[in-house]
């Protein structure tokens, strides 16, 4: 990477962080380019070199968060489950990197959960659903109706636990949280 390219990406990252910081305090429509550039420590001309408007900056910020979020899942897709007995939708290997990502980015994720429409949260969950959960469940649940409801219950449950963990400032240790999640979603009689 050339020096100018790295500087370009560095200033873009500063503006992404500035926008996120400002969004913690006020809604997007009340944030100005001046506030973003001041917080990022860059000139207005630098902002306009990167973006036409604040919405372009927001779009890039969302893309970066989503990319990091989805890549935090340590899952090889497609994967095969040989029997219902061996079907565990969530394993330590899948959860640990994801929960580490959540803990490291808890400030951003709390903001994302507070403003789900702004950050297109449904789109992120849909990617998770399509890439990970649906292929796994499809291997052993053939009835489409049952599959739809099972997946909804599963995804909302896991998301709910993680939302609560973030709201409680991630005080529960990751290993303990993994055990709790696995007990909930991989319950065996």
N, C-alpha and C. Protein backbone atom coordinates (compact mmCIF):
# COMPACT_ATOMS: atom_id res chain seq x y z
N UNK A 1 0.85 -1.18 0.00
CA UNK A 1 0.00 0.00 0.00
C UNK A 1 0.89 1.24 0.00
N UNK A 2 0.56 2.17 -0.85
CA UNK A 2 1.33 3.41 -0.94
C UNK A 2 1.02 4.31 0.25
N UNK A 3 1.95 5.23 0.50
CA UNK A 3 1.80 6.14 1.64
C UNK A 3 0.50 6.94 1.54
N UNK A 4 0.18 7.45 0.34
CA UNK A 4 -1.05 8.24 0.15
C UNK A 4 -2.30 7.41 0.38
N UNK A 5 -2.25 6.13 -0.05
CA UNK A 5 -3.40 5.24 0.16
C UNK A 5 -3.63 4.98 1.64
N UNK A 6 -2.55 4.73 2.37
CA UNK A 6 -2.71 4.45 3.80
C UNK A 6 -3.22 5.68 4.53
N UNK A 7 -2.78 6.87 4.12
CA UNK A 7 -3.27 8.11 4.73
C UNK A 7 -4.76 8.29 4.42
N UNK A 8 -5.15 7.96 3.19
CA UNK A 8 -6.55 8.06 2.77
C UNK A 8 -7.43 7.17 3.66
N UNK A 9 -7.01 5.91 3.83
CA UNK A 9 -7.79 4.97 4.64
C UNK A 9 -7.78 5.36 6.11
N UNK A 10 -6.67 5.90 6.57
CA UNK A 10 -6.57 6.34 7.96
C UNK A 10 -7.55 7.48 8.24
N UNK A 11 -7.61 8.47 7.34
CA UNK A 11 -8.54 9.59 7.56
C UNK A 11 -9.98 9.12 7.44
N UNK A 12 -10.24 8.17 6.55
CA UNK A 12 -11.60 7.62 6.44
C UNK A 12 -11.99 6.94 7.75
N UNK A 13 -11.06 6.19 8.32
CA UNK A 13 -11.33 5.51 9.60
C UNK A 13 -11.60 6.53 10.71
N UNK A 14 -10.83 7.61 10.73
CA UNK A 14 -11.06 8.66 11.73
C UNK A 14 -12.47 9.24 11.61
N UNK A 15 -12.91 9.45 10.37
CA UNK A 15 -14.26 10.00 10.16
C UNK A 15 -15.34 8.99 10.51
N UNK A 16 -15.09 7.71 10.25
CA UNK A 16 -16.03 6.65 10.66
C UNK A 16 -16.20 6.68 12.18
N UNK A 17 -15.08 6.74 12.89
CA UNK A 17 -15.11 6.75 14.35
C UNK A 17 -15.77 8.01 14.89
N UNK A 18 -15.51 9.14 14.24
CA UNK A 18 -16.12 10.41 14.66
C UNK A 18 -17.64 10.33 14.51
N UNK A 19 -18.10 9.79 13.39
CA UNK A 19 -19.54 9.66 13.17
C UNK A 19 -20.17 8.77 14.24
N UNK A 20 -19.56 7.64 14.52
CA UNK A 20 -20.09 6.74 15.54
C UNK A 20 -20.15 7.42 16.90
N UNK A 21 -19.13 8.16 17.22
CA UNK A 21 -19.09 8.88 18.50
C UNK A 21 -20.21 9.91 18.58
N UNK A 22 -20.43 10.63 17.50
CA UNK A 22 -21.50 11.65 17.47
C UNK A 22 -22.88 11.00 17.52
N UNK A 23 -23.03 9.85 16.88
CA UNK A 23 -24.32 9.15 16.89
C UNK A 23 -24.71 8.66 18.28
N UNK A 24 -23.75 8.53 19.16
CA UNK A 24 -24.06 8.16 20.54
C UNK A 24 -24.76 9.30 21.27
N UNK A 25 -24.58 10.51 20.77
CA UNK A 25 -25.12 11.69 21.45
C UNK A 25 -26.35 12.28 20.77
N UNK A 26 -26.45 12.09 19.44
CA UNK A 26 -27.58 12.70 18.72
C UNK A 26 -27.92 11.92 17.46
N UNK A 27 -29.09 12.20 16.92
CA UNK A 27 -29.53 11.54 15.69
C UNK A 27 -28.78 12.07 14.48
N UNK A 28 -28.72 11.25 13.45
CA UNK A 28 -27.96 11.56 12.25
C UNK A 28 -28.33 12.90 11.63
N UNK A 29 -29.63 13.18 11.57
CA UNK A 29 -30.08 14.41 10.90
C UNK A 29 -29.62 15.68 11.62
N UNK A 30 -29.12 15.54 12.84
CA UNK A 30 -28.65 16.71 13.60
C UNK A 30 -27.12 16.78 13.65
N UNK A 31 -26.46 15.93 12.90
CA UNK A 31 -24.99 15.92 12.86
C UNK A 31 -24.53 16.65 11.60
N UNK A 32 -23.56 17.53 11.77
CA UNK A 32 -23.05 18.31 10.63
C UNK A 32 -21.66 17.81 10.20
N UNK A 33 -21.30 18.15 8.97
CA UNK A 33 -19.97 17.82 8.46
C UNK A 33 -18.91 18.49 9.33
N UNK A 34 -19.18 19.70 9.77
CA UNK A 34 -18.24 20.42 10.63
C UNK A 34 -17.97 19.66 11.92
N UNK A 35 -19.01 19.11 12.53
CA UNK A 35 -18.83 18.34 13.77
C UNK A 35 -17.98 17.09 13.52
N UNK A 36 -18.25 16.43 12.41
CA UNK A 36 -17.51 15.21 12.08
C UNK A 36 -16.03 15.53 11.86
N UNK A 37 -15.77 16.57 11.06
CA UNK A 37 -14.37 16.89 10.75
C UNK A 37 -13.62 17.39 11.99
N UNK A 38 -14.31 18.14 12.82
CA UNK A 38 -13.68 18.63 14.05
C UNK A 38 -13.31 17.45 14.96
N UNK A 39 -14.26 16.54 15.14
CA UNK A 39 -14.03 15.37 16.00
C UNK A 39 -12.94 14.46 15.42
N UNK A 40 -12.89 14.35 14.10
CA UNK A 40 -11.90 13.49 13.44
C UNK A 40 -10.54 14.17 13.31
N UNK A 41 -10.52 15.49 13.48
CA UNK A 41 -9.26 16.22 13.34
C UNK A 41 -8.81 16.36 11.90
N UNK A 42 -9.79 16.47 10.99
CA UNK A 42 -9.47 16.65 9.57
C UNK A 42 -10.20 17.89 9.04
N UNK A 43 -9.80 18.34 7.86
CA UNK A 43 -10.44 19.50 7.23
C UNK A 43 -11.72 19.10 6.51
N UNK A 44 -12.58 20.07 6.30
CA UNK A 44 -13.81 19.83 5.53
C UNK A 44 -13.47 19.32 4.13
N UNK A 45 -12.41 19.88 3.54
CA UNK A 45 -12.02 19.45 2.19
C UNK A 45 -11.65 17.97 2.17
N UNK A 46 -11.08 17.48 3.26
CA UNK A 46 -10.75 16.06 3.37
C UNK A 46 -12.03 15.23 3.40
N UNK A 47 -13.03 15.72 4.13
CA UNK A 47 -14.32 15.03 4.17
C UNK A 47 -14.86 14.89 2.75
N UNK A 48 -14.87 15.99 2.01
CA UNK A 48 -15.46 15.98 0.67
C UNK A 48 -14.58 15.26 -0.36
N UNK A 49 -13.34 15.04 -0.04
CA UNK A 49 -12.48 14.20 -0.88
C UNK A 49 -12.95 12.75 -0.79
N UNK A 50 -13.45 12.37 0.38
CA UNK A 50 -13.91 11.01 0.64
C UNK A 50 -15.38 10.79 0.30
N UNK A 51 -16.22 11.76 0.66
CA UNK A 51 -17.67 11.55 0.60
C UNK A 51 -18.37 12.77 0.01
N UNK A 52 -19.53 12.50 -0.59
CA UNK A 52 -20.36 13.61 -1.08
C UNK A 52 -21.18 14.21 0.05
N UNK A 53 -21.56 13.35 1.01
CA UNK A 53 -22.40 13.81 2.12
C UNK A 53 -22.27 12.85 3.30
N UNK A 54 -22.94 13.18 4.37
CA UNK A 54 -22.88 12.37 5.59
C UNK A 54 -23.47 10.98 5.36
N UNK A 55 -24.45 10.86 4.48
CA UNK A 55 -25.08 9.56 4.24
C UNK A 55 -24.11 8.58 3.59
N UNK A 56 -23.21 9.09 2.75
CA UNK A 56 -22.18 8.22 2.17
C UNK A 56 -21.22 7.73 3.25
N UNK A 57 -20.87 8.63 4.17
CA UNK A 57 -20.02 8.24 5.30
C UNK A 57 -20.72 7.18 6.14
N UNK A 58 -22.00 7.38 6.40
CA UNK A 58 -22.77 6.41 7.18
C UNK A 58 -22.79 5.06 6.48
N UNK A 59 -23.00 5.08 5.17
CA UNK A 59 -23.04 3.83 4.40
C UNK A 59 -21.72 3.08 4.52
N UNK A 60 -20.61 3.80 4.39
CA UNK A 60 -19.30 3.16 4.52
C UNK A 60 -19.08 2.63 5.93
N UNK A 61 -19.50 3.40 6.92
CA UNK A 61 -19.35 2.99 8.32
C UNK A 61 -20.12 1.70 8.57
N UNK A 62 -21.35 1.65 8.08
CA UNK A 62 -22.18 0.45 8.23
C UNK A 62 -21.54 -0.75 7.54
N UNK A 63 -21.05 -0.54 6.32
CA UNK A 63 -20.38 -1.62 5.58
C UNK A 63 -19.21 -2.18 6.37
N UNK A 64 -18.41 -1.30 6.95
CA UNK A 64 -17.25 -1.74 7.72
C UNK A 64 -17.66 -2.53 8.97
N UNK A 65 -18.67 -2.04 9.67
CA UNK A 65 -19.15 -2.74 10.86
C UNK A 65 -19.69 -4.12 10.46
N UNK A 66 -20.50 -4.16 9.42
CA UNK A 66 -21.09 -5.42 8.97
C UNK A 66 -20.02 -6.42 8.53
N UNK A 67 -19.04 -5.94 7.80
CA UNK A 67 -17.96 -6.81 7.33
C UNK A 67 -17.20 -7.41 8.51
N UNK A 68 -16.87 -6.57 9.47
CA UNK A 68 -16.16 -7.05 10.66
C UNK A 68 -17.03 -8.02 11.46
N UNK A 69 -18.31 -7.71 11.57
CA UNK A 69 -19.25 -8.54 12.32
C UNK A 69 -19.37 -9.93 11.70
N UNK A 70 -19.64 -9.98 10.41
CA UNK A 70 -19.83 -11.26 9.73
C UNK A 70 -18.53 -12.07 9.73
N UNK A 71 -17.40 -11.40 9.56
CA UNK A 71 -16.13 -12.14 9.54
C UNK A 71 -15.75 -12.66 10.93
N UNK A 72 -16.40 -12.16 11.98
CA UNK A 72 -16.09 -12.65 13.33
C UNK A 72 -16.60 -14.07 13.56
N UNK A 73 -17.52 -14.53 12.71
CA UNK A 73 -18.01 -15.90 12.83
C UNK A 73 -16.96 -16.84 12.27
N UNK A 74 -16.52 -17.76 13.10
CA UNK A 74 -15.50 -18.71 12.70
C UNK A 74 -16.19 -19.97 12.19
N UNK A 75 -16.80 -19.87 11.01
CA UNK A 75 -17.60 -20.97 10.49
C UNK A 75 -17.19 -21.26 9.06
N UNK A 76 -17.01 -22.54 8.77
CA UNK A 76 -16.76 -22.95 7.40
C UNK A 76 -18.10 -23.36 6.82
N UNK A 77 -18.51 -22.66 5.78
CA UNK A 77 -19.80 -22.94 5.15
C UNK A 77 -19.53 -23.39 3.73
N UNK A 78 -20.22 -24.41 3.22
CA UNK A 78 -21.21 -25.21 3.93
C UNK A 78 -20.53 -26.26 4.81
N UNK A 79 -21.22 -26.65 5.84
CA UNK A 79 -20.71 -27.70 6.70
C UNK A 79 -21.78 -28.78 6.79
N UNK A 80 -21.35 -29.97 7.17
CA UNK A 80 -22.26 -31.10 7.15
C UNK A 80 -22.50 -31.64 8.55
N UNK A 81 -23.74 -31.95 8.82
CA UNK A 81 -24.13 -32.55 10.09
C UNK A 81 -24.63 -33.95 9.75
N UNK A 82 -24.09 -34.94 10.40
CA UNK A 82 -24.42 -36.32 10.04
C UNK A 82 -25.69 -36.85 10.66
N UNK A 83 -26.06 -36.35 11.83
CA UNK A 83 -27.30 -36.81 12.46
C UNK A 83 -27.84 -35.74 13.39
N UNK A 84 -29.12 -35.86 13.71
CA UNK A 84 -29.73 -34.90 14.65
C UNK A 84 -28.99 -34.91 15.98
N UNK A 85 -28.55 -36.09 16.38
CA UNK A 85 -27.85 -36.23 17.65
C UNK A 85 -26.57 -35.39 17.67
N UNK A 86 -25.91 -35.28 16.53
CA UNK A 86 -24.66 -34.52 16.43
C UNK A 86 -24.87 -33.06 16.03
N UNK A 87 -26.11 -32.66 15.91
CA UNK A 87 -26.40 -31.31 15.41
C UNK A 87 -26.31 -30.28 16.52
N UNK A 88 -25.24 -29.56 16.52
CA UNK A 88 -25.08 -28.44 17.44
C UNK A 88 -24.93 -27.20 16.58
N UNK A 89 -25.92 -26.32 16.66
CA UNK A 89 -25.89 -25.13 15.82
C UNK A 89 -24.84 -24.13 16.27
N UNK A 90 -24.46 -24.23 17.53
CA UNK A 90 -23.45 -23.30 18.03
C UNK A 90 -22.40 -24.08 18.80
N UNK A 91 -21.17 -23.84 18.45
CA UNK A 91 -20.05 -24.48 19.14
C UNK A 91 -19.15 -23.41 19.75
N UNK A 92 -18.27 -23.84 20.62
CA UNK A 92 -17.31 -22.91 21.23
C UNK A 92 -16.50 -22.20 20.14
N UNK A 93 -16.09 -22.97 19.13
CA UNK A 93 -15.26 -22.43 18.05
C UNK A 93 -15.99 -21.34 17.26
N UNK A 94 -17.31 -21.44 17.20
CA UNK A 94 -18.09 -20.41 16.51
C UNK A 94 -18.34 -19.21 17.42
N UNK A 95 -18.65 -19.48 18.67
CA UNK A 95 -19.05 -18.41 19.58
C UNK A 95 -17.89 -17.54 20.09
N UNK A 96 -16.79 -18.17 20.42
CA UNK A 96 -15.71 -17.42 21.06
C UNK A 96 -15.24 -16.22 20.23
N UNK A 97 -14.90 -16.37 18.94
CA UNK A 97 -14.45 -15.20 18.17
C UNK A 97 -15.56 -14.15 18.04
N UNK A 98 -16.79 -14.61 17.90
CA UNK A 98 -17.92 -13.69 17.78
C UNK A 98 -18.11 -12.89 19.07
N UNK A 99 -18.08 -13.57 20.21
CA UNK A 99 -18.26 -12.88 21.50
C UNK A 99 -17.08 -11.97 21.81
N UNK A 100 -15.88 -12.38 21.42
CA UNK A 100 -14.73 -11.49 21.57
C UNK A 100 -14.93 -10.22 20.76
N UNK A 101 -15.43 -10.39 19.52
CA UNK A 101 -15.72 -9.23 18.67
C UNK A 101 -16.74 -8.32 19.36
N UNK A 102 -17.80 -8.92 19.89
CA UNK A 102 -18.85 -8.14 20.56
C UNK A 102 -18.28 -7.37 21.75
N UNK A 103 -17.46 -8.04 22.54
CA UNK A 103 -16.89 -7.40 23.73
C UNK A 103 -15.95 -6.26 23.33
N UNK A 104 -15.12 -6.50 22.33
CA UNK A 104 -14.18 -5.47 21.87
C UNK A 104 -14.89 -4.28 21.25
N UNK A 105 -16.06 -4.51 20.69
CA UNK A 105 -16.81 -3.46 20.00
C UNK A 105 -18.12 -3.13 20.69
N UNK A 106 -18.18 -3.33 22.01
CA UNK A 106 -19.45 -3.18 22.73
C UNK A 106 -20.03 -1.77 22.60
N UNK A 107 -19.19 -0.75 22.57
CA UNK A 107 -19.68 0.63 22.44
C UNK A 107 -20.44 0.78 21.11
N UNK A 108 -19.84 0.30 20.04
CA UNK A 108 -20.46 0.39 18.72
C UNK A 108 -21.72 -0.47 18.66
N UNK A 109 -21.64 -1.69 19.18
CA UNK A 109 -22.79 -2.59 19.11
C UNK A 109 -23.97 -2.09 19.94
N UNK A 110 -23.69 -1.47 21.08
CA UNK A 110 -24.78 -0.87 21.85
C UNK A 110 -25.49 0.19 21.02
N UNK A 111 -24.71 0.98 20.30
CA UNK A 111 -25.26 2.01 19.43
C UNK A 111 -26.08 1.38 18.30
N UNK A 112 -25.55 0.32 17.72
CA UNK A 112 -26.25 -0.39 16.64
C UNK A 112 -27.60 -0.92 17.14
N UNK A 113 -27.63 -1.48 18.36
CA UNK A 113 -28.87 -2.02 18.91
C UNK A 113 -29.86 -0.92 19.28
N UNK A 114 -29.35 0.26 19.65
CA UNK A 114 -30.23 1.39 19.95
C UNK A 114 -30.86 1.98 18.70
N UNK A 115 -30.16 1.86 17.56
CA UNK A 115 -30.63 2.45 16.30
C UNK A 115 -30.62 1.38 15.20
N UNK A 116 -31.43 0.33 15.34
CA UNK A 116 -31.36 -0.80 14.40
C UNK A 116 -31.69 -0.43 12.96
N UNK A 117 -32.64 0.50 12.74
CA UNK A 117 -32.99 0.86 11.37
C UNK A 117 -31.83 1.58 10.70
N UNK A 118 -31.19 2.47 11.43
CA UNK A 118 -30.09 3.25 10.89
C UNK A 118 -28.94 2.34 10.45
N UNK A 119 -28.67 1.31 11.23
CA UNK A 119 -27.54 0.43 10.94
C UNK A 119 -27.93 -0.83 10.18
N UNK A 120 -29.15 -0.89 9.68
CA UNK A 120 -29.63 -2.00 8.85
C UNK A 120 -29.36 -3.35 9.52
N UNK A 121 -29.74 -3.43 10.79
CA UNK A 121 -29.48 -4.62 11.59
C UNK A 121 -30.16 -5.86 11.02
N UNK A 122 -31.35 -5.69 10.47
CA UNK A 122 -32.06 -6.84 9.89
C UNK A 122 -31.24 -7.49 8.77
N UNK A 123 -30.56 -6.66 7.98
CA UNK A 123 -29.73 -7.15 6.88
C UNK A 123 -28.58 -8.01 7.41
N UNK A 124 -27.97 -7.59 8.50
CA UNK A 124 -26.86 -8.34 9.09
C UNK A 124 -27.36 -9.68 9.61
N UNK A 125 -28.49 -9.65 10.32
CA UNK A 125 -29.04 -10.90 10.84
C UNK A 125 -29.44 -11.83 9.71
N UNK A 126 -29.92 -11.28 8.62
CA UNK A 126 -30.30 -12.10 7.47
C UNK A 126 -29.08 -12.82 6.90
N UNK A 127 -27.95 -12.13 6.84
CA UNK A 127 -26.71 -12.76 6.35
C UNK A 127 -26.32 -13.91 7.26
N UNK A 128 -26.39 -13.69 8.57
CA UNK A 128 -26.07 -14.73 9.54
C UNK A 128 -26.99 -15.93 9.34
N UNK A 129 -28.25 -15.62 9.22
CA UNK A 129 -29.29 -16.62 9.04
C UNK A 129 -29.01 -17.43 7.77
N UNK A 130 -28.78 -16.73 6.65
CA UNK A 130 -28.58 -17.39 5.35
C UNK A 130 -27.28 -18.19 5.29
N UNK A 131 -26.21 -17.65 5.85
CA UNK A 131 -24.89 -18.28 5.73
C UNK A 131 -24.66 -19.39 6.74
N UNK A 132 -25.23 -19.27 7.91
CA UNK A 132 -24.87 -20.20 8.99
C UNK A 132 -26.04 -21.07 9.42
N UNK A 133 -27.09 -20.44 9.91
CA UNK A 133 -28.16 -21.19 10.56
C UNK A 133 -29.02 -21.99 9.59
N UNK A 134 -29.46 -21.37 8.50
CA UNK A 134 -30.35 -22.06 7.57
C UNK A 134 -29.69 -23.32 6.99
N UNK A 135 -28.44 -23.24 6.48
CA UNK A 135 -27.82 -24.46 5.96
C UNK A 135 -27.68 -25.56 7.01
N UNK A 136 -27.39 -25.17 8.25
CA UNK A 136 -27.23 -26.18 9.30
C UNK A 136 -28.55 -26.87 9.60
N UNK A 137 -29.59 -26.09 9.81
CA UNK A 137 -30.90 -26.64 10.15
C UNK A 137 -31.49 -27.42 8.98
N UNK A 138 -31.23 -26.96 7.76
CA UNK A 138 -31.78 -27.62 6.57
C UNK A 138 -31.31 -29.07 6.44
N UNK A 139 -30.19 -29.38 7.04
CA UNK A 139 -29.67 -30.73 6.94
C UNK A 139 -30.48 -31.75 7.74
N UNK A 140 -31.21 -31.29 8.76
CA UNK A 140 -31.95 -32.27 9.56
C UNK A 140 -33.40 -31.90 9.81
N UNK A 141 -33.83 -30.71 9.43
CA UNK A 141 -35.26 -30.35 9.51
C UNK A 141 -35.73 -30.14 8.08
N UNK A 142 -36.58 -31.04 7.62
CA UNK A 142 -37.02 -31.00 6.22
C UNK A 142 -38.30 -30.18 6.03
N UNK A 143 -39.15 -30.16 7.02
CA UNK A 143 -40.40 -29.42 6.90
C UNK A 143 -40.10 -27.91 6.92
N UNK A 144 -40.45 -27.25 5.83
CA UNK A 144 -40.13 -25.82 5.67
C UNK A 144 -40.77 -24.96 6.75
N UNK A 145 -42.00 -25.25 7.10
CA UNK A 145 -42.71 -24.48 8.12
C UNK A 145 -42.00 -24.61 9.48
N UNK A 146 -41.67 -25.83 9.85
CA UNK A 146 -40.95 -26.06 11.11
C UNK A 146 -39.59 -25.36 11.10
N UNK A 147 -38.93 -25.41 9.96
CA UNK A 147 -37.61 -24.79 9.81
C UNK A 147 -37.68 -23.29 10.07
N UNK A 148 -38.68 -22.64 9.49
CA UNK A 148 -38.84 -21.18 9.63
C UNK A 148 -39.00 -20.79 11.09
N UNK A 149 -39.89 -21.49 11.80
CA UNK A 149 -40.14 -21.16 13.21
C UNK A 149 -38.96 -21.54 14.11
N UNK A 150 -38.35 -22.66 13.84
CA UNK A 150 -37.19 -23.08 14.64
C UNK A 150 -36.06 -22.08 14.52
N UNK A 151 -35.80 -21.65 13.31
CA UNK A 151 -34.72 -20.69 13.09
C UNK A 151 -35.01 -19.34 13.72
N UNK A 152 -36.25 -18.92 13.66
CA UNK A 152 -36.62 -17.64 14.27
C UNK A 152 -36.41 -17.70 15.78
N UNK A 153 -36.87 -18.78 16.38
CA UNK A 153 -36.71 -18.96 17.83
C UNK A 153 -35.22 -18.97 18.19
N UNK A 154 -34.46 -19.71 17.44
CA UNK A 154 -33.04 -19.85 17.70
C UNK A 154 -32.31 -18.51 17.57
N UNK A 155 -32.48 -17.83 16.45
CA UNK A 155 -31.74 -16.58 16.23
C UNK A 155 -32.15 -15.50 17.21
N UNK A 156 -33.44 -15.37 17.47
CA UNK A 156 -33.90 -14.34 18.41
C UNK A 156 -33.40 -14.63 19.83
N UNK A 157 -33.33 -15.91 20.18
CA UNK A 157 -32.84 -16.28 21.50
C UNK A 157 -31.37 -15.93 21.69
N UNK A 158 -30.55 -16.29 20.73
CA UNK A 158 -29.12 -16.00 20.81
C UNK A 158 -28.89 -14.49 20.81
N UNK A 159 -29.57 -13.80 19.91
CA UNK A 159 -29.44 -12.34 19.83
C UNK A 159 -29.88 -11.69 21.14
N UNK A 160 -30.97 -12.19 21.72
CA UNK A 160 -31.46 -11.66 22.99
C UNK A 160 -30.45 -11.81 24.12
N UNK A 161 -29.81 -12.97 24.19
CA UNK A 161 -28.79 -13.20 25.21
C UNK A 161 -27.62 -12.23 25.03
N UNK A 162 -27.20 -12.05 23.80
CA UNK A 162 -26.06 -11.16 23.53
C UNK A 162 -26.43 -9.71 23.79
N UNK A 163 -27.64 -9.31 23.44
CA UNK A 163 -28.10 -7.94 23.76
C UNK A 163 -28.04 -7.70 25.27
N UNK A 164 -28.54 -8.67 26.03
CA UNK A 164 -28.54 -8.54 27.49
C UNK A 164 -27.11 -8.46 28.01
N UNK A 165 -26.23 -9.28 27.49
CA UNK A 165 -24.83 -9.28 27.90
C UNK A 165 -24.19 -7.91 27.64
N UNK A 166 -24.46 -7.34 26.47
CA UNK A 166 -23.93 -6.01 26.15
C UNK A 166 -24.53 -4.95 27.08
N UNK A 167 -25.83 -5.06 27.34
CA UNK A 167 -26.49 -4.09 28.23
C UNK A 167 -25.90 -4.14 29.63
N UNK A 168 -25.45 -5.33 30.05
CA UNK A 168 -24.82 -5.50 31.37
C UNK A 168 -23.31 -5.27 31.30
N UNK A 169 -22.87 -4.65 30.22
CA UNK A 169 -21.47 -4.26 30.01
C UNK A 169 -20.51 -5.45 29.96
N UNK A 170 -20.99 -6.58 29.47
CA UNK A 170 -20.16 -7.78 29.25
C UNK A 170 -19.44 -8.26 30.51
N UNK A 171 -20.10 -8.13 31.66
CA UNK A 171 -19.45 -8.53 32.92
C UNK A 171 -19.33 -10.05 33.06
N UNK A 172 -20.25 -10.79 32.48
CA UNK A 172 -20.15 -12.25 32.51
C UNK A 172 -18.99 -12.67 31.62
N UNK A 173 -18.16 -13.57 32.13
CA UNK A 173 -17.01 -14.04 31.35
C UNK A 173 -17.50 -14.76 30.09
N UNK A 174 -16.73 -14.67 29.03
CA UNK A 174 -17.11 -15.27 27.74
C UNK A 174 -17.33 -16.77 27.87
N UNK A 175 -16.47 -17.48 28.58
CA UNK A 175 -16.65 -18.93 28.73
C UNK A 175 -17.97 -19.27 29.41
N UNK A 176 -18.34 -18.49 30.41
CA UNK A 176 -19.61 -18.72 31.11
C UNK A 176 -20.78 -18.42 30.18
N UNK A 177 -20.67 -17.36 29.39
CA UNK A 177 -21.74 -17.01 28.46
C UNK A 177 -21.90 -18.08 27.38
N UNK A 178 -20.79 -18.62 26.90
CA UNK A 178 -20.84 -19.70 25.91
C UNK A 178 -21.60 -20.89 26.49
N UNK A 179 -21.32 -21.24 27.72
CA UNK A 179 -22.01 -22.35 28.38
C UNK A 179 -23.51 -22.08 28.46
N UNK A 180 -23.87 -20.86 28.83
CA UNK A 180 -25.29 -20.48 28.95
C UNK A 180 -25.98 -20.58 27.59
N UNK A 181 -25.36 -20.02 26.56
CA UNK A 181 -25.97 -20.04 25.22
C UNK A 181 -26.12 -21.48 24.74
N UNK A 182 -25.08 -22.27 24.90
CA UNK A 182 -25.15 -23.66 24.44
C UNK A 182 -26.22 -24.45 25.19
N UNK A 183 -26.38 -24.19 26.48
CA UNK A 183 -27.44 -24.86 27.23
C UNK A 183 -28.80 -24.49 26.67
N UNK A 184 -28.95 -23.25 26.28
CA UNK A 184 -30.25 -22.79 25.76
C UNK A 184 -30.54 -23.35 24.37
N UNK A 185 -29.57 -23.33 23.47
CA UNK A 185 -29.86 -23.70 22.09
C UNK A 185 -29.52 -25.14 21.73
N UNK A 186 -28.67 -25.77 22.48
CA UNK A 186 -28.28 -27.15 22.19
C UNK A 186 -28.80 -28.12 23.25
N UNK A 187 -29.88 -27.74 23.90
CA UNK A 187 -30.41 -28.52 25.02
C UNK A 187 -30.73 -29.94 24.59
N UNK A 188 -30.28 -30.88 25.39
CA UNK A 188 -30.57 -32.31 25.17
C UNK A 188 -31.22 -32.87 26.43
N UNK A 189 -32.23 -33.69 26.23
CA UNK A 189 -32.89 -34.32 27.39
C UNK A 189 -32.05 -35.45 27.93
